[in-house]
Amino acid sequence: LQSQSLCTIIDPLIRGKGNTQQYNSRDVKRIQKANGIVPKHIAKRFVLSNECLDLVGKSKFIVGLHPDECTEDILDAALETNTPAAIIPCCVFASLFPGRKLENGEAVCSYDQFIDYLMKKDDRIKKYSLSFEGKNQVLVFDPSSNNSG
């Protein structure tokens, strides 16, 4: 909360506020009390488009926290614009993305397969485990890292 970094949240809804597109006043007060900057909110789905590529290209860093269907698009945008990224994938959505295949031709159906599939996109993507239960793998893309690992 104490960061002075300008953030933009791309999400169709702000959670916990029903169908409204306003931040909870309690959350705004908490951010302001910590001398933080209230994030800009774009009420859209993140899809690999010129608009999102432009926004990602102007960013210093991109974060995807449980980004559902847009996980791969976030990573692809980071790769295309050479923007550092950290993504915590969760849901695979195998039925929505039947074209996702592993190198052996097998469909991507499980969480572990999804992680492997995403990591194969670029040698500079590294996987780390976070210290909590559940889907705790974070994929980090650092464009300045050495391809050979």
Protein backbone atom coordinates (compact mmCIF):
# COMPACT_ATOMS: atom_id res chain seq x y z
CA LEU A 1 0.00 0.00 0.00
CA GLN A 2 2.86 2.40 0.61
CA SER A 3 4.12 2.35 -2.95
CA GLN A 4 3.98 5.51 -5.01
CA SER A 5 3.73 3.49 -8.20
CA LEU A 6 0.89 4.22 -10.55
CA CYS A 7 -1.05 1.02 -11.19
CA THR A 8 -3.71 0.12 -13.70
CA ILE A 9 -6.10 -2.75 -13.02
CA ILE A 10 -7.71 -4.39 -16.03
CA ASP A 11 -10.66 -6.40 -14.81
CA PRO A 12 -14.29 -6.54 -15.94
CA LEU A 13 -15.40 -6.08 -12.32
CA ILE A 14 -13.97 -4.77 -9.11
CA ARG A 15 -14.50 -7.67 -6.73
CA GLY A 16 -16.76 -7.33 -3.71
CA LYS A 17 -18.76 -4.39 -5.02
CA GLY A 18 -21.48 -6.16 -7.01
CA ASN A 19 -21.90 -4.92 -10.57
CA THR A 20 -20.70 -1.40 -9.87
CA GLN A 21 -17.44 -0.11 -11.27
CA GLN A 22 -16.45 1.93 -8.23
CA TYR A 23 -13.85 1.17 -5.62
CA ASN A 24 -15.09 0.51 -2.13
CA SER A 25 -14.71 3.79 -0.21
CA ARG A 26 -13.07 1.89 2.69
CA ASP A 27 -10.38 0.60 0.31
CA VAL A 28 -9.78 4.06 -1.15
CA LYS A 29 -9.39 5.51 2.35
CA ARG A 30 -6.90 2.75 3.29
CA ILE A 31 -4.82 3.47 0.19
CA GLN A 32 -4.90 7.22 0.78
CA LYS A 33 -4.06 6.82 4.48
CA ALA A 34 -0.93 4.89 3.45
CA ASN A 35 -0.06 7.73 1.03
CA GLY A 36 -0.62 5.35 -1.86
CA ILE A 37 -2.01 6.12 -5.28
CA VAL A 38 -5.50 4.79 -6.03
CA PRO A 39 -5.14 2.47 -9.05
CA LYS A 40 -6.77 3.30 -12.35
CA HIS A 41 -9.42 0.73 -13.27
CA ILE A 42 -10.21 -0.36 -16.82
CA ALA A 43 -13.43 -2.38 -16.80
CA LYS A 44 -12.56 -4.77 -19.63
CA ARG A 45 -11.32 -8.25 -20.19
CA PHE A 46 -7.62 -8.46 -20.98
CA VAL A 47 -7.29 -9.89 -24.47
CA LEU A 48 -4.28 -9.87 -26.74
CA SER A 49 -5.19 -6.77 -28.73
CA ASN A 50 -3.44 -3.63 -29.93
CA GLU A 51 -5.03 -1.72 -27.03
CA CYS A 52 -3.66 -4.12 -24.40
CA LEU A 53 -0.28 -4.41 -26.15
CA ASP A 54 -0.01 -0.62 -26.11
CA LEU A 55 -0.81 -0.49 -22.38
CA VAL A 56 1.62 -3.32 -21.56
CA GLY A 57 4.32 -1.73 -23.71
CA LYS A 58 4.05 1.48 -21.67
CA SER A 59 4.27 -0.45 -18.39
CA LYS A 60 7.32 -1.13 -16.28
CA PHE A 61 5.94 -4.45 -15.03
CA ILE A 62 2.81 -6.54 -15.49
CA VAL A 63 1.22 -8.79 -12.88
CA GLY A 64 -1.45 -11.43 -13.37
CA LEU A 65 -2.98 -12.74 -10.13
CA HIS A 66 -5.31 -15.67 -10.81
CA PRO A 67 -6.08 -14.17 -14.23
CA ASP A 68 -8.38 -17.00 -15.37
CA GLU A 69 -8.94 -17.09 -19.15
CA CYS A 70 -6.50 -14.27 -19.90
CA THR A 71 -3.43 -15.94 -18.35
CA GLU A 72 -1.87 -16.83 -21.68
CA ASP A 73 -2.73 -13.45 -23.25
CA ILE A 74 -1.00 -11.64 -20.38
CA LEU A 75 2.14 -13.70 -20.84
CA ASP A 76 2.04 -13.34 -24.63
CA ALA A 77 1.65 -9.55 -24.30
CA ALA A 78 4.64 -9.41 -21.93
CA LEU A 79 6.71 -11.48 -24.34
CA GLU A 80 5.68 -9.47 -27.40
CA THR A 81 6.45 -6.12 -25.75
CA ASN A 82 9.48 -7.38 -23.81
CA THR A 83 7.88 -6.22 -20.55
CA PRO A 84 8.78 -7.93 -17.26
CA ALA A 85 5.90 -9.96 -15.83
CA ALA A 86 4.85 -12.15 -12.93
CA ILE A 87 1.83 -14.39 -13.33
CA ILE A 88 0.19 -16.74 -10.86
CA PRO A 89 -1.84 -19.09 -13.04
CA CYS A 90 -4.74 -20.96 -11.52
CA CYS A 91 -7.47 -22.31 -13.75
CA VAL A 92 -6.59 -24.20 -16.92
CA PHE A 93 -9.89 -23.84 -18.85
CA ALA A 94 -8.98 -26.79 -21.07
CA SER A 95 -12.40 -26.86 -22.75
CA LEU A 96 -12.12 -23.17 -23.74
CA PHE A 97 -8.62 -23.65 -25.20
CA PRO A 98 -8.55 -27.04 -26.95
CA GLY A 99 -5.72 -25.83 -29.20
CA ARG A 100 -3.22 -25.77 -26.33
CA LYS A 101 -0.89 -28.71 -26.85
CA LEU A 102 2.28 -29.90 -25.19
CA GLU A 103 5.35 -30.65 -27.30
CA ASN A 104 4.28 -34.32 -27.41
CA GLY A 105 0.89 -33.32 -28.87
CA GLU A 106 -1.04 -34.03 -25.67
CA ALA A 107 -3.78 -31.56 -24.77
CA VAL A 108 -3.12 -29.21 -21.86
CA CYS A 109 -5.64 -30.35 -19.24
CA SER A 110 -3.97 -30.13 -15.82
CA TYR A 111 -2.44 -27.32 -13.81
CA ASP A 112 1.07 -28.82 -14.08
CA GLN A 113 0.67 -29.20 -17.85
CA PHE A 114 -0.48 -25.59 -18.09
CA ILE A 115 2.58 -24.38 -16.17
CA ASP A 116 4.86 -26.44 -18.47
CA TYR A 117 3.04 -25.15 -21.57
CA LEU A 118 3.44 -21.52 -20.51
CA MET A 119 7.11 -21.97 -19.57
CA LYS A 120 7.91 -23.39 -23.02
CA LYS A 121 7.01 -20.05 -24.60
CA ASP A 122 10.40 -18.54 -23.67
CA ASP A 123 13.55 -19.76 -21.91
CA ARG A 124 13.58 -16.58 -19.82
CA ILE A 125 10.40 -17.59 -17.98
CA LYS A 126 11.26 -18.95 -14.55
CA LYS A 127 9.02 -20.71 -12.04
CA TYR A 128 9.02 -20.04 -8.31
CA SER A 129 6.89 -21.42 -5.48
CA LEU A 130 5.12 -19.04 -3.14
CA SER A 131 4.67 -19.88 0.53
CA PHE A 132 0.96 -20.62 0.65
CA GLU A 133 -1.26 -23.63 -0.02
CA GLY A 134 -2.96 -24.22 -3.34
CA LYS A 135 -2.01 -22.90 -6.75
CA ASN A 136 1.21 -21.25 -5.58
CA GLN A 137 3.41 -21.24 -8.66
CA VAL A 138 4.47 -17.86 -10.02
CA LEU A 139 5.93 -17.56 -13.49
CA VAL A 140 8.35 -14.67 -13.87
CA PHE A 141 9.41 -13.27 -17.22
CA ASP A 142 12.55 -11.14 -17.04
CA PRO A 143 13.47 -9.90 -20.53
CA SER A 144 16.97 -8.99 -19.30
CA SER A 145 17.78 -12.51 -18.12
CA ASN A 146 20.07 -14.80 -20.06
CA ASN A 147 18.21 -17.17 -22.42
CA SER A 148 20.47 -20.05 -21.44
CA GLY A 149 19.15 -19.81 -17.90
